[in-house]
């Protein structure tokens, strides 16, 4: 029997035993005590009725998902958890909590590993074992890649919307509106991620947060350097008594210049990016079309 096959089977069996032991470890007595103390002192019949009144997904699926998320959070390094939270934050995925993403990662890894293990049963080899491991790793990392892509697209959209939004705020302030009123008008008239962030900032101000802290939170919720510079300029203008309309006009002009420079930079990069498809795809076909008939004619003359 092949030694690699035996070692691979032993590794899979050992990993399954260790994973089962890690996921089904003993419960913490303190957490059980907290759950028991958190239960209201109501009759058992009322609690049973209230539980049965819940949908089946909340009674069966939700507890299982919470348990899986708790285990996955314990097994995931703290740095990876913080990075994942930051990606969810930047992607604006308010419907996707950290626990839901962790459950999705574990579920994808399990499903892909199960499907690829069918090949391991048909063709038991070291390559099949590596394929199963690579598939599970890819399924586990796939939500991270999707969130990173969504976060990048969202930040780019905020960067593109910022100059026009500042122009609208500048016009509103010069027409007599205050800074917060101009921000509210820009938030109501827009439908992109920047408008959503402006509305959230105003909601925080209405809830009692100071405008300085709300603007600082706006800069922290995004990863756009231009927006951070704008927030810093507005805070300095409020501190030194500089007219806000002047700050908005200057910031809007600088952002328009930067947006034009980025467009010119992309246009300059385009010829270099086109060279590789041209050489690899178009040029060979063009040579076949042009040189093919001549080569066939030369070959016929040589034969005859």
Foldseek 3Di string as FASTA:
>chain_A
DDPLLVVLVVVVVVVVVVVVCLLPDDDDPVVVVVVVVPDDPDDPVVVVVVLVVDDPCVNPVVVVLVSQLVSLVVVDDPVVLVVVQLLCLLLVVPVQDSSNLSSQLQVQLVVQLVVLVVVCVVPVDNVSSVVSVVRSVCSNCVVVVVSNVSSVVQLVVCLVCVLVLLVQLLVVVVVPDDNLVSLLVSLVVDDGPNSVLSVVLSVVVVVPDDNLVSLVVSPVSHDHPLSVVLSVLVVVCVVVVPDPSVSSVVSSVVSVVVVVVVVVVVVVCVVVVVVVCCVPPVVVVVCCVVCVVVVVVVVVVVVD
